[in-house]
Amino acid sequence: MKKILIVAATAGLMSLAACNGGTTNTTAENVADSHEANAAIYDDAADNTSNAAAADVLENAADVEENKADAAEANAH
């Protein structure tokens, strides 16, 4: 009797797992969104400064944030 229950439970879990379309890593998506928002802020700050060196630093920071967002999005799937 125990073997029948174990086999039935295992079959049920396997069918349940087969029906699941997969989960989405919403934490990674939220992290990606946060980095994209930071990149936009850095871009805006770079556009609003009159100091060329500061603008370059801010644009580089925006690029770093965009790279982090890309990495987080890749991790989300």
PDB file of N, CA and C in Angstrom:
ATOM      1  N   MET A   1       0.816  -1.188   0.000  1.00  0.00           N
ATOM      2  CA  MET A   1       0.000   0.000   0.000  1.00  0.00           C
ATOM      3  C   MET A   1       0.863   1.258   0.000  1.00  0.00           C
ATOM      4  N   LYS A   2       1.944   1.226   0.769  1.00  0.00           N
ATOM      5  CA  LYS A   2       2.817   2.389   0.826  1.00  0.00           C
ATOM      6  C   LYS A   2       3.444   2.669  -0.533  1.00  0.00           C
ATOM      7  N   LYS A   3       3.804   1.611  -1.258  1.00  0.00           N
ATOM      8  CA  LYS A   3       4.416   1.790  -2.571  1.00  0.00           C
ATOM      9  C   LYS A   3       3.435   2.442  -3.538  1.00  0.00           C
ATOM     10  N   ILE A   4       2.181   2.065  -3.464  1.00  0.00           N
ATOM     11  CA  ILE A   4       1.169   2.643  -4.350  1.00  0.00           C
ATOM     12  C   ILE A   4       1.008   4.129  -4.058  1.00  0.00           C
ATOM     13  N   LEU A   5       0.985   4.499  -2.790  1.00  0.00           N
ATOM     14  CA  LEU A   5       0.853   5.909  -2.422  1.00  0.00           C
ATOM     15  C   LEU A   5       2.057   6.719  -2.865  1.00  0.00           C
ATOM     16  N   ILE A   6       3.244   6.158  -2.711  1.00  0.00           N
ATOM     17  CA  ILE A   6       4.462   6.856  -3.122  1.00  0.00           C
ATOM     18  C   ILE A   6       4.469   7.052  -4.630  1.00  0.00           C
ATOM     19  N   VAL A   7       4.091   6.000  -5.371  1.00  0.00           N
ATOM     20  CA  VAL A   7       4.051   6.107  -6.833  1.00  0.00           C
ATOM     21  C   VAL A   7       3.005   7.122  -7.250  1.00  0.00           C
ATOM     22  N   ALA A   8       1.850   7.119  -6.626  1.00  0.00           N
ATOM     23  CA  ALA A   8       0.783   8.056  -6.970  1.00  0.00           C
ATOM     24  C   ALA A   8       1.196   9.494  -6.649  1.00  0.00           C
ATOM     25  N   ALA A   9       1.812   9.683  -5.497  1.00  0.00           N
ATOM     26  CA  ALA A   9       2.260  11.022  -5.118  1.00  0.00           C
ATOM     27  C   ALA A   9       3.337  11.526  -6.068  1.00  0.00           C
ATOM     28  N   THR A  10       4.257  10.651  -6.419  1.00  0.00           N
ATOM     29  CA  THR A  10       5.325  11.034  -7.349  1.00  0.00           C
ATOM     30  C   THR A  10       4.746  11.388  -8.713  1.00  0.00           C
ATOM     31  N   ALA A  11       3.808  10.580  -9.194  1.00  0.00           N
ATOM     32  CA  ALA A  11       3.185  10.860 -10.491  1.00  0.00           C
ATOM     33  C   ALA A  11       2.430  12.179 -10.451  1.00  0.00           C
ATOM     34  N   GLY A  12       1.763  12.435  -9.336  1.00  0.00           N
ATOM     35  CA  GLY A  12       1.031  13.700  -9.204  1.00  0.00           C
ATOM     36  C   GLY A  12       1.951  14.901  -9.215  1.00  0.00           C
ATOM     37  N   LEU A  13       3.057  14.799  -8.509  1.00  0.00           N
ATOM     38  CA  LEU A  13       4.020  15.903  -8.482  1.00  0.00           C
ATOM     39  C   LEU A  13       4.668  16.121  -9.850  1.00  0.00           C
ATOM     40  N   MET A  14       4.949  15.025 -10.537  1.00  0.00           N
ATOM     41  CA  MET A  14       5.558  15.149 -11.867  1.00  0.00           C
ATOM     42  C   MET A  14       4.587  15.797 -12.837  1.00  0.00           C
ATOM     43  N   SER A  15       3.314  15.452 -12.770  1.00  0.00           N
ATOM     44  CA  SER A  15       2.342  16.064 -13.674  1.00  0.00           C
ATOM     45  C   SER A  15       2.133  17.526 -13.317  1.00  0.00           C
ATOM     46  N   LEU A  16       2.168  17.842 -12.043  1.00  0.00           N
ATOM     47  CA  LEU A  16       2.049  19.234 -11.625  1.00  0.00           C
ATOM     48  C   LEU A  16       3.240  20.051 -12.112  1.00  0.00           C
ATOM     49  N   ALA A  17       4.416  19.494 -12.026  1.00  0.00           N
ATOM     50  CA  ALA A  17       5.612  20.189 -12.499  1.00  0.00           C
ATOM     51  C   ALA A  17       5.582  20.367 -14.005  1.00  0.00           C
ATOM     52  N   ALA A  18       5.028  19.404 -14.720  1.00  0.00           N
ATOM     53  CA  ALA A  18       4.953  19.500 -16.178  1.00  0.00           C
ATOM     54  C   ALA A  18       3.978  20.587 -16.610  1.00  0.00           C
ATOM     55  N   CYS A  19       2.949  20.823 -15.829  1.00  0.00           N
ATOM     56  CA  CYS A  19       1.952  21.845 -16.170  1.00  0.00           C
ATOM     57  C   CYS A  19       2.457  23.253 -15.888  1.00  0.00           C
ATOM     58  N   ASN A  20       3.368  23.363 -14.974  1.00  0.00           N
ATOM     59  CA  ASN A  20       3.862  24.686 -14.601  1.00  0.00           C
ATOM     60  C   ASN A  20       4.668  25.264 -15.751  1.00  0.00           C
ATOM     61  N   GLY A  21       4.288  26.456 -16.189  1.00  0.00           N
ATOM     62  CA  GLY A  21       4.967  27.099 -17.300  1.00  0.00           C
ATOM     63  C   GLY A  21       6.279  27.741 -16.904  1.00  0.00           C
ATOM     64  N   GLY A  22       6.666  27.609 -15.682  1.00  0.00           N
ATOM     65  CA  GLY A  22       7.901  28.235 -15.221  1.00  0.00           C
ATOM     66  C   GLY A  22       7.575  29.475 -14.411  1.00  0.00           C
ATOM     67  N   THR A  23       8.516  29.867 -13.637  1.00  0.00           N
ATOM     68  CA  THR A  23       8.313  31.054 -12.811  1.00  0.00           C
ATOM     69  C   THR A  23       9.169  32.182 -13.334  1.00  0.00           C
ATOM     70  N   THR A  24       8.739  33.357 -13.045  1.00  0.00           N
ATOM     71  CA  THR A  24       9.498  34.534 -13.437  1.00  0.00           C
ATOM     72  C   THR A  24      10.180  35.096 -12.204  1.00  0.00           C
ATOM     73  N   ASN A  25      11.428  35.432 -12.351  1.00  0.00           N
ATOM     74  CA  ASN A  25      12.193  35.993 -11.250  1.00  0.00           C
ATOM     75  C   ASN A  25      11.873  37.485 -11.175  1.00  0.00           C
ATOM     76  N   THR A  26      10.847  37.830 -10.419  1.00  0.00           N
ATOM     77  CA  THR A  26      10.433  39.231 -10.342  1.00  0.00           C
ATOM     78  C   THR A  26      11.453  40.074  -9.594  1.00  0.00           C
ATOM     79  N   THR A  27      12.208  39.455  -8.700  1.00  0.00           N
ATOM     80  CA  THR A  27      13.251  40.214  -8.001  1.00  0.00           C
ATOM     81  C   THR A  27      14.281  40.720  -8.994  1.00  0.00           C
ATOM     82  N   ALA A  28      14.712  39.872  -9.903  1.00  0.00           N
ATOM     83  CA  ALA A  28      15.688  40.287 -10.912  1.00  0.00           C
ATOM     84  C   ALA A  28      15.104  41.354 -11.822  1.00  0.00           C
ATOM     85  N   GLU A  29      13.828  41.220 -12.152  1.00  0.00           N
ATOM     86  CA  GLU A  29      13.192  42.240 -12.984  1.00  0.00           C
ATOM     87  C   GLU A  29      13.130  43.577 -12.260  1.00  0.00           C
ATOM     88  N   ASN A  30      12.835  43.542 -10.964  1.00  0.00           N
ATOM     89  CA  ASN A  30      12.794  44.776 -10.176  1.00  0.00           C
ATOM     90  C   ASN A  30      14.175  45.412 -10.071  1.00  0.00           C
ATOM     91  N   VAL A  31      15.192  44.581  -9.912  1.00  0.00           N
ATOM     92  CA  VAL A  31      16.567  45.096  -9.866  1.00  0.00           C
ATOM     93  C   VAL A  31      16.924  45.741 -11.204  1.00  0.00           C
ATOM     94  N   ALA A  32      16.548  45.095 -12.297  1.00  0.00           N
ATOM     95  CA  ALA A  32      16.814  45.652 -13.630  1.00  0.00           C
ATOM     96  C   ALA A  32      16.117  46.994 -13.798  1.00  0.00           C
ATOM     97  N   ASP A  33      14.862  47.068 -13.363  1.00  0.00           N
ATOM     98  CA  ASP A  33      14.118  48.334 -13.453  1.00  0.00           C
ATOM     99  C   ASP A  33      14.794  49.429 -12.635  1.00  0.00           C
ATOM    100  N   SER A  34      15.297  49.060 -11.467  1.00  0.00           N
ATOM    101  CA  SER A  34      15.981  50.026 -10.614  1.00  0.00           C
ATOM    102  C   SER A  34      17.247  50.548 -11.279  1.00  0.00           C
ATOM    103  N   HIS A  35      18.013  49.647 -11.884  1.00  0.00           N
ATOM    104  CA  HIS A  35      19.242  50.077 -12.557  1.00  0.00           C
ATOM    105  C   HIS A  35      18.929  50.945 -13.779  1.00  0.00           C
ATOM    106  N   GLU A  36      17.856  50.622 -14.493  1.00  0.00           N
ATOM    107  CA  GLU A  36      17.463  51.445 -15.633  1.00  0.00           C
ATOM    108  C   GLU A  36      17.055  52.842 -15.176  1.00  0.00           C
ATOM    109  N   ALA A  37      16.365  52.918 -14.046  1.00  0.00           N
ATOM    110  CA  ALA A  37      15.976  54.224 -13.504  1.00  0.00           C
ATOM    111  C   ALA A  37      17.213  55.019 -13.094  1.00  0.00           C
ATOM    112  N   ASN A  38      18.173  54.339 -12.473  1.00  0.00           N
ATOM    113  CA  ASN A  38      19.413  55.024 -12.102  1.00  0.00           C
ATOM    114  C   ASN A  38      20.149  55.532 -13.331  1.00  0.00           C
ATOM    115  N   ALA A  39      20.172  54.729 -14.384  1.00  0.00           N
ATOM    116  CA  ALA A  39      20.839  55.144 -15.622  1.00  0.00           C
ATOM    117  C   ALA A  39      20.183  56.395 -16.188  1.00  0.00           C
ATOM    118  N   ALA A  40      18.865  56.444 -16.142  1.00  0.00           N
ATOM    119  CA  ALA A  40      18.149  57.628 -16.652  1.00  0.00           C
ATOM    120  C   ALA A  40      18.485  58.865 -15.820  1.00  0.00           C
ATOM    121  N   ILE A  41      18.602  58.690 -14.521  1.00  0.00           N
ATOM    122  CA  ILE A  41      18.948  59.816 -13.646  1.00  0.00           C
ATOM    123  C   ILE A  41      20.355  60.319 -13.962  1.00  0.00           C
ATOM    124  N   TYR A  42      21.298  59.394 -14.129  1.00  0.00           N
ATOM    125  CA  TYR A  42      22.663  59.798 -14.477  1.00  0.00           C
ATOM    126  C   TYR A  42      22.700  60.505 -15.831  1.00  0.00           C
ATOM    127  N   ASP A  43      21.941  59.996 -16.796  1.00  0.00           N
ATOM    128  CA  ASP A  43      21.896  60.648 -18.113  1.00  0.00           C
ATOM    129  C   ASP A  43      21.346  62.061 -18.007  1.00  0.00           C
ATOM    130  N   ASP A  44      20.275  62.214 -17.247  1.00  0.00           N
ATOM    131  CA  ASP A  44      19.692  63.547 -17.066  1.00  0.00           C
ATOM    132  C   ASP A  44      20.676  64.493 -16.379  1.00  0.00           C
ATOM    133  N   ALA A  45      21.372  63.983 -15.373  1.00  0.00           N
ATOM    134  CA  ALA A  45      22.351  64.820 -14.669  1.00  0.00           C
ATOM    135  C   ALA A  45      23.494  65.206 -15.601  1.00  0.00           C
ATOM    136  N   ALA A  46      23.908  64.284 -16.459  1.00  0.00           N
ATOM    137  CA  ALA A  46      24.974  64.594 -17.420  1.00  0.00           C
ATOM    138  C   ALA A  46      24.523  65.668 -18.400  1.00  0.00           C
ATOM    139  N   ASP A  47      23.271  65.606 -18.814  1.00  0.00           N
ATOM    140  CA  ASP A  47      22.740  66.612 -19.739  1.00  0.00           C
ATOM    141  C   ASP A  47      22.630  67.981 -19.090  1.00  0.00           C
ATOM    142  N   ASN A  48      22.459  68.007 -17.777  1.00  0.00           N
ATOM    143  CA  ASN A  48      22.226  69.274 -17.086  1.00  0.00           C
ATOM    144  C   ASN A  48      23.484  69.914 -16.518  1.00  0.00           C
ATOM    145  N   THR A  49      24.625  69.283 -16.684  1.00  0.00           N
ATOM    146  CA  THR A  49      25.849  69.888 -16.160  1.00  0.00           C
ATOM    147  C   THR A  49      26.597  70.619 -17.263  1.00  0.00           C
ATOM    148  N   SER A  50      27.265  71.676 -16.871  1.00  0.00           N
ATOM    149  CA  SER A  50      28.064  72.430 -17.845  1.00  0.00           C
ATOM    150  C   SER A  50      29.526  72.000 -17.804  1.00  0.00           C
ATOM    151  N   ASN A  51      29.878  71.136 -16.878  1.00  0.00           N
ATOM    152  CA  ASN A  51      31.244  70.659 -16.724  1.00  0.00           C
ATOM    153  C   ASN A  51      31.417  69.395 -17.573  1.00  0.00           C
ATOM    154  N   ALA A  52      32.285  69.471 -18.566  1.00  0.00           N
ATOM    155  CA  ALA A  52      32.469  68.345 -19.495  1.00  0.00           C
ATOM    156  C   ALA A  52      32.999  67.104 -18.789  1.00  0.00           C
ATOM    157  N   ALA A  53      33.917  67.287 -17.856  1.00  0.00           N
ATOM    158  CA  ALA A  53      34.477  66.135 -17.146  1.00  0.00           C
ATOM    159  C   ALA A  53      33.410  65.464 -16.289  1.00  0.00           C
ATOM    160  N   ALA A  54      32.601  66.263 -15.621  1.00  0.00           N
ATOM    161  CA  ALA A  54      31.524  65.707 -14.804  1.00  0.00           C
ATOM    162  C   ALA A  54      30.497  64.993 -15.683  1.00  0.00           C
ATOM    163  N   ALA A  55      30.226  65.555 -16.853  1.00  0.00           N
ATOM    164  CA  ALA A  55      29.278  64.924 -17.782  1.00  0.00           C
ATOM    165  C   ALA A  55      29.789  63.564 -18.231  1.00  0.00           C
ATOM    166  N   ASP A  56      31.095  63.474 -18.494  1.00  0.00           N
ATOM    167  CA  ASP A  56      31.673  62.185 -18.888  1.00  0.00           C
ATOM    168  C   ASP A  56      31.551  61.149 -17.779  1.00  0.00           C
ATOM    169  N   VAL A  57      31.822  61.579 -16.553  1.00  0.00           N
ATOM    170  CA  VAL A  57      31.718  60.667 -15.410  1.00  0.00           C
ATOM    171  C   VAL A  57      30.277  60.187 -15.248  1.00  0.00           C
ATOM    172  N   LEU A  58      29.329  61.104 -15.372  1.00  0.00           N
ATOM    173  CA  LEU A  58      27.925  60.732 -15.219  1.00  0.00           C
ATOM    174  C   LEU A  58      27.457  59.810 -16.352  1.00  0.00           C
ATOM    175  N   GLU A  59      27.926  60.068 -17.557  1.00  0.00           N
ATOM    176  CA  GLU A  59      27.564  59.196 -18.682  1.00  0.00           C
ATOM    177  C   GLU A  59      28.156  57.798 -18.505  1.00  0.00           C
ATOM    178  N   ASN A  60      29.378  57.731 -17.984  1.00  0.00           N
ATOM    179  CA  ASN A  60      29.973  56.418 -17.690  1.00  0.00           C
ATOM    180  C   ASN A  60      29.186  55.686 -16.612  1.00  0.00           C
ATOM    181  N   ALA A  61      28.744  56.424 -15.604  1.00  0.00           N
ATOM    182  CA  ALA A  61      27.937  55.816 -14.550  1.00  0.00           C
ATOM    183  C   ALA A  61      26.618  55.299 -15.122  1.00  0.00           C
ATOM    184  N   ALA A  62      26.042  56.042 -16.056  1.00  0.00           N
ATOM    185  CA  ALA A  62      24.804  55.594 -16.706  1.00  0.00           C
ATOM    186  C   ALA A  62      25.049  54.307 -17.487  1.00  0.00           C
ATOM    187  N   ASP A  63      26.178  54.235 -18.180  1.00  0.00           N
ATOM    188  CA  ASP A  63      26.515  53.011 -18.922  1.00  0.00           C
ATOM    189  C   ASP A  63      26.672  51.814 -17.987  1.00  0.00           C
ATOM    190  N   VAL A  64      27.287  52.043 -16.841  1.00  0.00           N
ATOM    191  CA  VAL A  64      27.460  50.966 -15.855  1.00  0.00           C
ATOM    192  C   VAL A  64      26.102  50.476 -15.374  1.00  0.00           C
ATOM    193  N   GLU A  65      25.209  51.412 -15.085  1.00  0.00           N
ATOM    194  CA  GLU A  65      23.871  51.034 -14.622  1.00  0.00           C
ATOM    195  C   GLU A  65      23.106  50.268 -15.711  1.00  0.00           C
ATOM    196  N   GLU A  66      23.260  50.674 -16.958  1.00  0.00           N
ATOM    197  CA  GLU A  66      22.601  49.959 -18.053  1.00  0.00           C
ATOM    198  C   GLU A  66      23.151  48.538 -18.188  1.00  0.00           C
ATOM    199  N   ASN A  67      24.460  48.392 -18.001  1.00  0.00           N
ATOM    200  CA  ASN A  67      25.056  47.047 -18.033  1.00  0.00           C
ATOM    201  C   ASN A  67      24.528  46.182 -16.891  1.00  0.00           C
ATOM    202  N   LYS A  68      24.383  46.776 -15.713  1.00  0.00           N
ATOM    203  CA  LYS A  68      23.830  46.045 -14.575  1.00  0.00           C
ATOM    204  C   LYS A  68      22.382  45.643 -14.847  1.00  0.00           C
ATOM    205  N   ALA A  69      21.629  46.531 -15.484  1.00  0.00           N
ATOM    206  CA  ALA A  69      20.238  46.211 -15.822  1.00  0.00           C
ATOM    207  C   ALA A  69      20.185  45.052 -16.809  1.00  0.00           C
ATOM    208  N   ASP A  70      21.063  45.069 -17.801  1.00  0.00           N
ATOM    209  CA  ASP A  70      21.113  43.969 -18.782  1.00  0.00           C
ATOM    210  C   ASP A  70      21.444  42.651 -18.093  1.00  0.00           C
ATOM    211  N   ALA A  71      22.388  42.693 -17.162  1.00  0.00           N
ATOM    212  CA  ALA A  71      22.761  41.468 -16.448  1.00  0.00           C
ATOM    213  C   ALA A  71      21.613  40.954 -15.596  1.00  0.00           C
ATOM    214  N   ALA A  72      20.904  41.856 -14.950  1.00  0.00           N
ATOM    215  CA  ALA A  72      19.761  41.449 -14.111  1.00  0.00           C
ATOM    216  C   ALA A  72      18.646  40.875 -14.985  1.00  0.00           C
ATOM    217  N   GLU A  73      18.406  41.477 -16.139  1.00  0.00           N
ATOM    218  CA  GLU A  73      17.374  40.959 -17.046  1.00  0.00           C
ATOM    219  C   GLU A  73      17.742  39.576 -17.564  1.00  0.00           C
ATOM    220  N   ALA A  74      19.015  39.362 -17.837  1.00  0.00           N
ATOM    221  CA  ALA A  74      19.453  38.044 -18.291  1.00  0.00           C
ATOM    222  C   ALA A  74      19.240  37.008 -17.194  1.00  0.00           C
ATOM    223  N   ASN A  75      19.372  37.428 -15.954  1.00  0.00           N
ATOM    224  CA  ASN A  75      19.191  36.528 -14.820  1.00  0.00           C
ATOM    225  C   ASN A  75      17.722  36.255 -14.534  1.00  0.00           C
ATOM    226  N   ALA A  76      16.844  37.114 -15.027  1.00  0.00           N
ATOM    227  CA  ALA A  76      15.423  36.987 -14.735  1.00  0.00           C
ATOM    228  C   ALA A  76      14.781  35.820 -15.448  1.00  0.00           C
ATOM    229  N   HIS A  77      15.414  35.306 -16.480  1.00  0.00           N
ATOM    230  CA  HIS A  77      14.767  34.256 -17.269  1.00  0.00           C
ATOM    231  C   HIS A  77      15.424  32.960 -17.041  1.00  0.00           C
TER     232      HIS A  77
END
